[in-house]
């Protein structure tokens, strides 16, 4: 944020002046105008003007054989920064900001129940929300821009979404994609609201939509190869979610929603692991 001084009504001709900018911080901010004779005029304002820290997503894996969660705070080869057990074999792993803290934490989808935890540690769930049914593929996203990721499911080419954890029928339904597609959710245009997309395994095509309405894709691209497991995340902190894939223990990440090679690739996890993505160590 750039500070602009209020207009000053002057009774004399000013030869020169210089501005000391207001620090971008909370609380009382101050500045001064320095005149050509060396005297200064203090200016102050109260309030807050924080510069938001960039959220950068990094990868993790869920290991079905032991329900182990292995999270890494950097998109590079290396050992896990956080390791714990959560869920059970057969669960679909999830990640999101369930409590509007800025940190993404783990969850699982199990036969129509979203079992979500507020901390990336072992323990029982903090939220249990019934939504969808057995056989659905779960998605989570901030569908209304309130800072909280909430449930959704994909079923036979239709997304069913809710803006809370209260259970009940879908508040938003979006026909997009085909049966057999893999559902995606993310902020494709940087407007602060997550919308839907699909990855089509038969052609390695990705189709993204910028509104929670039925219709044709706003963005389409080709990325990955047959057998890849798709992921999406904001890999570079620019506010836009872009694609990646996990292939045999190697992540391939791209920084734009366009066809092309990976911008970043690295080894992490084992064959058979399920990928998860989030900002595990967000510091506002």
Foldseek 3Di string as FASTA:
>chain_A
DWDDDDDDDDPDDFPDWDKDTWDQAAFKTKIWIATPVGDIDIDIDHGHRHDFDFFAKEKWWQFLVQQKTFDDQANADDGGPAIEHDDHRPWAKAWWQAPLPQAIEIWTDDFQWIFDDNANYDDGGPAIAGGDGPPWAKDWWQAPLPRHIFIWTDDAQKIFDDNHRHYDGGPAIERHDGPQWAKDWWQAPLPRHIEIWTQHLVQQKIFDDNHRYYDGGPAMEHDDHHPWAKDWTQRPRPRHIEIWTADAQKIFDDNHRYYDGGPDMYGHDGPNIHMYMINRDDDD
